[in-house]
């Protein structure tokens, strides 16, 4: 596949299972290499990842479930519970973090750009997330990007011994593709792009 075809192949897959052809070690190596090769401002390499498989993956989604149970009205919790079940049914989750110590170090070193480094950190994280998502899709692994931060940050940090300087930005849950993605629609180019010659 060409690069554009790989991007096109990457879709949000909600119905996932745990029957992935790649081994945990192969997936771990793929995720690490992909993040290592993802660009970052000033080559800061501020992105961090916690890769959860199997029981640890389920444990994370139980943290999310029990956190939401305290916040979602009981009358509406069934839909929330079903959603969490669909994520827990997968093979694993990548927790994407940004190391605030790195960002603060750059702010101190390059004071003229201090306000920009948190923004550029978000760019770095987004690139890493997209790259991992696309790399998994290339190997037939489905995924969806979730954002249950910051409500699960503290318990997740305690459970998985996350350094205090790491800030949770997103959760990419992945697994075997049990149902295809829905049709993707696009807004009109005229509303999105301007070209000048």
C-alpha atoms as a PDB file:
ATOM      1  CA  UNK A   1       0.000   0.000   0.000  1.00  0.00           C
ATOM      2  CA  UNK A   2       1.059   3.571  -0.609  1.00  0.00           C
ATOM      3  CA  UNK A   3       1.227   5.971   2.326  1.00  0.00           C
ATOM      4  CA  UNK A   4      -2.090   7.552   1.294  1.00  0.00           C
ATOM      5  CA  UNK A   5      -3.701   4.112   1.089  1.00  0.00           C
ATOM      6  CA  UNK A   6      -2.430   3.333   4.596  1.00  0.00           C
ATOM      7  CA  UNK A   7      -4.008   6.546   5.889  1.00  0.00           C
ATOM      8  CA  UNK A   8      -7.229   5.687   4.080  1.00  0.00           C
ATOM      9  CA  UNK A   9      -7.168   2.192   5.600  1.00  0.00           C
ATOM     10  CA  UNK A  10      -6.939   3.597   9.160  1.00  0.00           C
ATOM     11  CA  UNK A  11     -10.474   3.858  10.488  1.00  0.00           C
ATOM     12  CA  UNK A  12     -12.225   4.032  13.837  1.00  0.00           C
ATOM     13  CA  UNK A  13     -13.143   0.439  14.677  1.00  0.00           C
ATOM     14  CA  UNK A  14     -15.527   0.122  17.612  1.00  0.00           C
ATOM     15  CA  UNK A  15     -16.321  -3.594  17.450  1.00  0.00           C
ATOM     16  CA  UNK A  16     -13.090  -5.301  18.424  1.00  0.00           C
ATOM     17  CA  UNK A  17     -12.017  -8.608  19.884  1.00  0.00           C
ATOM     18  CA  UNK A  18      -8.839 -10.109  21.327  1.00  0.00           C
ATOM     19  CA  UNK A  19      -7.969 -12.502  18.483  1.00  0.00           C
ATOM     20  CA  UNK A  20      -5.083 -10.574  16.955  1.00  0.00           C
ATOM     21  CA  UNK A  21      -2.666 -12.357  14.591  1.00  0.00           C
ATOM     22  CA  UNK A  22       0.378 -10.472  15.905  1.00  0.00           C
ATOM     23  CA  UNK A  23       1.918 -11.537  19.205  1.00  0.00           C
ATOM     24  CA  UNK A  24       2.065  -9.131  22.144  1.00  0.00           C
ATOM     25  CA  UNK A  25       5.815  -8.805  21.590  1.00  0.00           C
ATOM     26  CA  UNK A  26       5.307  -7.933  17.920  1.00  0.00           C
ATOM     27  CA  UNK A  27       2.681  -5.332  18.770  1.00  0.00           C
ATOM     28  CA  UNK A  28       4.875  -3.851  21.500  1.00  0.00           C
ATOM     29  CA  UNK A  29       7.845  -3.597  19.108  1.00  0.00           C
ATOM     30  CA  UNK A  30       5.657  -1.995  16.431  1.00  0.00           C
ATOM     31  CA  UNK A  31       4.276   0.612  18.846  1.00  0.00           C
ATOM     32  CA  UNK A  32       7.711   1.456  20.241  1.00  0.00           C
ATOM     33  CA  UNK A  33       9.288   1.817  16.798  1.00  0.00           C
ATOM     34  CA  UNK A  34       6.419   3.920  15.508  1.00  0.00           C
ATOM     35  CA  UNK A  35       6.589   6.348  18.428  1.00  0.00           C
ATOM     36  CA  UNK A  36      10.384   6.451  18.231  1.00  0.00           C
ATOM     37  CA  UNK A  37      10.145   7.502  14.561  1.00  0.00           C
ATOM     38  CA  UNK A  38       7.388  10.084  15.112  1.00  0.00           C
ATOM     39  CA  UNK A  39       8.601  13.691  14.845  1.00  0.00           C
ATOM     40  CA  UNK A  40       8.523  16.165  17.728  1.00  0.00           C
ATOM     41  CA  UNK A  41       9.418  19.833  18.063  1.00  0.00           C
ATOM     42  CA  UNK A  42      13.105  20.420  18.797  1.00  0.00           C
ATOM     43  CA  UNK A  43      13.378  16.606  18.672  1.00  0.00           C
ATOM     44  CA  UNK A  44      12.071  16.769  22.239  1.00  0.00           C
ATOM     45  CA  UNK A  45      10.807  13.158  22.166  1.00  0.00           C
ATOM     46  CA  UNK A  46       8.301  14.143  24.858  1.00  0.00           C
ATOM     47  CA  UNK A  47       5.796  11.404  24.006  1.00  0.00           C
ATOM     48  CA  UNK A  48       5.522   8.480  26.407  1.00  0.00           C
ATOM     49  CA  UNK A  49       3.428   5.325  26.110  1.00  0.00           C
ATOM     50  CA  UNK A  50       2.125   2.695  28.481  1.00  0.00           C
ATOM     51  CA  UNK A  51       1.195  -0.443  26.557  1.00  0.00           C
ATOM     52  CA  UNK A  52      -1.407  -2.616  28.251  1.00  0.00           C
ATOM     53  CA  UNK A  53      -2.271  -6.142  27.125  1.00  0.00           C
ATOM     54  CA  UNK A  54      -4.840  -8.678  28.236  1.00  0.00           C
ATOM     55  CA  UNK A  55      -5.449  -8.529  32.029  1.00  0.00           C
ATOM     56  CA  UNK A  56      -3.748  -5.127  32.411  1.00  0.00           C
ATOM     57  CA  UNK A  57      -5.829  -3.803  29.512  1.00  0.00           C
ATOM     58  CA  UNK A  58      -9.032  -5.056  31.189  1.00  0.00           C
ATOM     59  CA  UNK A  59      -7.895  -3.580  34.518  1.00  0.00           C
ATOM     60  CA  UNK A  60      -7.576  -0.136  32.915  1.00  0.00           C
ATOM     61  CA  UNK A  61     -11.088  -0.291  31.487  1.00  0.00           C
ATOM     62  CA  UNK A  62     -12.415  -1.379  34.898  1.00  0.00           C
ATOM     63  CA  UNK A  63     -10.870   1.801  36.314  1.00  0.00           C
ATOM     64  CA  UNK A  64     -12.705   3.778  33.631  1.00  0.00           C
ATOM     65  CA  UNK A  65     -15.971   1.921  34.308  1.00  0.00           C
ATOM     66  CA  UNK A  66     -15.895   2.431  38.077  1.00  0.00           C
ATOM     67  CA  UNK A  67     -14.883   6.092  37.702  1.00  0.00           C
ATOM     68  CA  UNK A  68     -17.802   6.700  35.348  1.00  0.00           C
ATOM     69  CA  UNK A  69     -20.183   4.803  37.635  1.00  0.00           C
ATOM     70  CA  UNK A  70     -19.670   7.597  40.179  1.00  0.00           C
ATOM     71  CA  UNK A  71     -20.360  10.306  37.587  1.00  0.00           C
ATOM     72  CA  UNK A  72     -23.064   8.958  35.267  1.00  0.00           C
ATOM     73  CA  UNK A  73     -26.672   8.797  36.513  1.00  0.00           C
ATOM     74  CA  UNK A  74     -27.767   5.224  37.185  1.00  0.00           C
ATOM     75  CA  UNK A  75     -30.582   5.549  34.643  1.00  0.00           C
ATOM     76  CA  UNK A  76     -28.027   6.258  31.904  1.00  0.00           C
ATOM     77  CA  UNK A  77     -25.273   3.915  33.028  1.00  0.00           C
ATOM     78  CA  UNK A  78     -26.267   0.880  30.943  1.00  0.00           C
ATOM     79  CA  UNK A  79     -25.163   2.560  27.703  1.00  0.00           C
ATOM     80  CA  UNK A  80     -21.898   3.642  29.331  1.00  0.00           C
ATOM     81  CA  UNK A  81     -21.322   0.141  30.690  1.00  0.00           C
ATOM     82  CA  UNK A  82     -21.901  -1.391  27.247  1.00  0.00           C
ATOM     83  CA  UNK A  83     -19.396   0.993  25.708  1.00  0.00           C
ATOM     84  CA  UNK A  84     -16.758   0.090  28.288  1.00  0.00           C
ATOM     85  CA  UNK A  85     -17.477  -3.621  27.681  1.00  0.00           C
ATOM     86  CA  UNK A  86     -16.772  -3.077  23.975  1.00  0.00           C
ATOM     87  CA  UNK A  87     -13.373  -1.571  24.774  1.00  0.00           C
ATOM     88  CA  UNK A  88     -12.492  -4.221  27.363  1.00  0.00           C
ATOM     89  CA  UNK A  89     -13.242  -6.910  24.742  1.00  0.00           C
ATOM     90  CA  UNK A  90     -10.161  -5.805  22.811  1.00  0.00           C
ATOM     91  CA  UNK A  91      -6.563  -7.037  22.992  1.00  0.00           C
ATOM     92  CA  UNK A  92      -4.898  -3.979  24.444  1.00  0.00           C
ATOM     93  CA  UNK A  93      -4.694  -0.258  25.014  1.00  0.00           C
ATOM     94  CA  UNK A  94      -1.948   2.278  24.450  1.00  0.00           C
ATOM     95  CA  UNK A  95      -2.001   5.091  27.003  1.00  0.00           C
ATOM     96  CA  UNK A  96      -0.380   8.138  25.416  1.00  0.00           C
ATOM     97  CA  UNK A  97       1.366  10.542  27.761  1.00  0.00           C
ATOM     98  CA  UNK A  98       3.450  13.703  27.403  1.00  0.00           C
ATOM     99  CA  UNK A  99       6.352  14.198  29.795  1.00  0.00           C
ATOM    100  CA  UNK A 100       5.925  17.627  31.392  1.00  0.00           C
ATOM    101  CA  UNK A 101       9.519  17.620  32.674  1.00  0.00           C
ATOM    102  CA  UNK A 102      10.735  17.646  29.073  1.00  0.00           C
ATOM    103  CA  UNK A 103       8.408  20.509  28.192  1.00  0.00           C
ATOM    104  CA  UNK A 104       9.401  22.554  31.227  1.00  0.00           C
ATOM    105  CA  UNK A 105      13.074  21.943  30.451  1.00  0.00           C
ATOM    106  CA  UNK A 106      12.607  23.305  26.939  1.00  0.00           C
ATOM    107  CA  UNK A 107      10.698  26.300  28.287  1.00  0.00           C
ATOM    108  CA  UNK A 108      13.620  27.107  30.567  1.00  0.00           C
ATOM    109  CA  UNK A 109      16.200  26.569  27.828  1.00  0.00           C
ATOM    110  CA  UNK A 110      14.345  28.478  25.084  1.00  0.00           C
ATOM    111  CA  UNK A 111      12.412  31.173  26.950  1.00  0.00           C
ATOM    112  CA  UNK A 112      11.373  32.991  23.775  1.00  0.00           C
ATOM    113  CA  UNK A 113       9.276  29.957  22.778  1.00  0.00           C
ATOM    114  CA  UNK A 114       8.061  29.083  26.285  1.00  0.00           C
ATOM    115  CA  UNK A 115       4.354  29.541  25.523  1.00  0.00           C
ATOM    116  CA  UNK A 116       4.603  27.339  22.449  1.00  0.00           C
ATOM    117  CA  UNK A 117       6.124  24.213  23.951  1.00  0.00           C
ATOM    118  CA  UNK A 118       2.891  22.920  25.557  1.00  0.00           C
ATOM    119  CA  UNK A 119       1.129  23.406  22.202  1.00  0.00           C
ATOM    120  CA  UNK A 120       3.934  21.690  20.304  1.00  0.00           C
ATOM    121  CA  UNK A 121       3.804  18.867  22.826  1.00  0.00           C
ATOM    122  CA  UNK A 122       0.159  18.301  21.902  1.00  0.00           C
ATOM    123  CA  UNK A 123       1.207  18.191  18.246  1.00  0.00           C
ATOM    124  CA  UNK A 124       3.856  15.580  19.050  1.00  0.00           C
ATOM    125  CA  UNK A 125       1.338  13.469  20.928  1.00  0.00           C
ATOM    126  CA  UNK A 126      -1.210  13.677  18.130  1.00  0.00           C
ATOM    127  CA  UNK A 127       1.378  12.643  15.550  1.00  0.00           C
ATOM    128  CA  UNK A 128       2.414   9.648  17.676  1.00  0.00           C
ATOM    129  CA  UNK A 129      -1.217   8.637  18.185  1.00  0.00           C
ATOM    130  CA  UNK A 130      -2.000   8.850  14.476  1.00  0.00           C
ATOM    131  CA  UNK A 131       1.183   7.010  13.519  1.00  0.00           C
ATOM    132  CA  UNK A 132       0.543   4.115  15.920  1.00  0.00           C
ATOM    133  CA  UNK A 133      -3.100   3.902  14.853  1.00  0.00           C
ATOM    134  CA  UNK A 134      -2.069   3.746  11.183  1.00  0.00           C
ATOM    135  CA  UNK A 135       0.709   1.207  11.851  1.00  0.00           C
ATOM    136  CA  UNK A 136      -1.734  -1.072  13.665  1.00  0.00           C
ATOM    137  CA  UNK A 137      -4.265  -0.742  10.842  1.00  0.00           C
ATOM    138  CA  UNK A 138      -1.560  -1.711   8.336  1.00  0.00           C
ATOM    139  CA  UNK A 139      -1.288  -5.037  10.205  1.00  0.00           C
ATOM    140  CA  UNK A 140      -5.041  -5.628  10.275  1.00  0.00           C
ATOM    141  CA  UNK A 141      -5.517  -4.470  13.880  1.00  0.00           C
ATOM    142  CA  UNK A 142      -8.547  -2.286  14.532  1.00  0.00           C
ATOM    143  CA  UNK A 143      -8.506   0.609  16.982  1.00  0.00           C
ATOM    144  CA  UNK A 144     -10.363   3.632  18.288  1.00  0.00           C
ATOM    145  CA  UNK A 145      -8.991   6.672  20.080  1.00  0.00           C
ATOM    146  CA  UNK A 146     -10.606   7.516  23.423  1.00  0.00           C
ATOM    147  CA  UNK A 147     -10.219  10.358  25.918  1.00  0.00           C
ATOM    148  CA  UNK A 148     -11.164   9.476  29.484  1.00  0.00           C
ATOM    149  CA  UNK A 149      -8.471  11.717  30.876  1.00  0.00           C
ATOM    150  CA  UNK A 150      -8.309  13.517  33.268  1.00  0.00           C
ATOM    151  CA  UNK A 151     -10.954  11.684  35.332  1.00  0.00           C
ATOM    152  CA  UNK A 152      -8.981   8.416  35.378  1.00  0.00           C
ATOM    153  CA  UNK A 153      -5.493   9.918  35.630  1.00  0.00           C
ATOM    154  CA  UNK A 154      -4.838   9.539  39.357  1.00  0.00           C
ATOM    155  CA  UNK A 155      -6.004   5.936  39.734  1.00  0.00           C
ATOM    156  CA  UNK A 156      -4.309   4.905  36.492  1.00  0.00           C
ATOM    157  CA  UNK A 157      -1.051   6.479  37.650  1.00  0.00           C
ATOM    158  CA  UNK A 158      -1.250   4.661  40.967  1.00  0.00           C
ATOM    159  CA  UNK A 159      -2.179   1.316  39.396  1.00  0.00           C
ATOM    160  CA  UNK A 160       0.520   1.309  36.729  1.00  0.00           C
ATOM    161  CA  UNK A 161       3.259   3.282  38.540  1.00  0.00           C
ATOM    162  CA  UNK A 162       3.179   6.220  36.134  1.00  0.00           C
ATOM    163  CA  UNK A 163       5.771   8.964  36.779  1.00  0.00           C
ATOM    164  CA  UNK A 164       4.261  12.159  38.192  1.00  0.00           C
ATOM    165  CA  UNK A 165       5.569  14.230  35.276  1.00  0.00           C
ATOM    166  CA  UNK A 166       3.667  12.182  32.677  1.00  0.00           C
ATOM    167  CA  UNK A 167       0.361  13.761  31.579  1.00  0.00           C
ATOM    168  CA  UNK A 168      -2.250  11.442  30.048  1.00  0.00           C
ATOM    169  CA  UNK A 169      -3.494  12.686  26.672  1.00  0.00           C
ATOM    170  CA  UNK A 170      -5.367   9.784  25.005  1.00  0.00           C
ATOM    171  CA  UNK A 171      -6.111   6.074  25.024  1.00  0.00           C
ATOM    172  CA  UNK A 172      -5.918   3.969  21.856  1.00  0.00           C
ATOM    173  CA  UNK A 173      -7.827   0.725  22.391  1.00  0.00           C
ATOM    174  CA  UNK A 174      -7.064  -1.994  19.833  1.00  0.00           C
ATOM    175  CA  UNK A 175      -7.972  -5.536  18.863  1.00  0.00           C
ATOM    176  CA  UNK A 176      -9.197  -7.810  16.119  1.00  0.00           C
ATOM    177  CA  UNK A 177     -11.710  -6.257  13.741  1.00  0.00           C
ATOM    178  CA  UNK A 178     -15.057  -7.910  14.499  1.00  0.00           C
ATOM    179  CA  UNK A 179     -17.159  -5.494  12.413  1.00  0.00           C
ATOM    180  CA  UNK A 180     -16.037  -2.988   9.773  1.00  0.00           C
ATOM    181  CA  UNK A 181     -16.094   0.764  10.212  1.00  0.00           C
ATOM    182  CA  UNK A 182     -19.137   2.655   9.020  1.00  0.00           C
ATOM    183  CA  UNK A 183     -19.170   4.780   5.889  1.00  0.00           C
ATOM    184  CA  UNK A 184     -16.964   7.843   6.178  1.00  0.00           C
ATOM    185  CA  UNK A 185     -18.295  11.164   4.917  1.00  0.00           C
ATOM    186  CA  UNK A 186     -16.319  14.269   4.052  1.00  0.00           C
ATOM    187  CA  UNK A 187     -17.254  17.929   4.096  1.00  0.00           C
ATOM    188  CA  UNK A 188     -16.982  19.920   0.861  1.00  0.00           C
ATOM    189  CA  UNK A 189     -13.447  20.870  -0.099  1.00  0.00           C
ATOM    190  CA  UNK A 190     -14.583  24.465  -0.689  1.00  0.00           C
ATOM    191  CA  UNK A 191     -15.370  24.834   3.006  1.00  0.00           C
ATOM    192  CA  UNK A 192     -12.060  23.336   4.114  1.00  0.00           C
ATOM    193  CA  UNK A 193      -9.311  24.380   1.728  1.00  0.00           C
ATOM    194  CA  UNK A 194      -7.989  27.491   0.005  1.00  0.00           C
ATOM    195  CA  UNK A 195      -5.406  27.283  -2.784  1.00  0.00           C
ATOM    196  CA  UNK A 196      -3.571  30.206  -4.340  1.00  0.00           C
ATOM    197  CA  UNK A 197      -1.267  30.268  -7.396  1.00  0.00           C
END
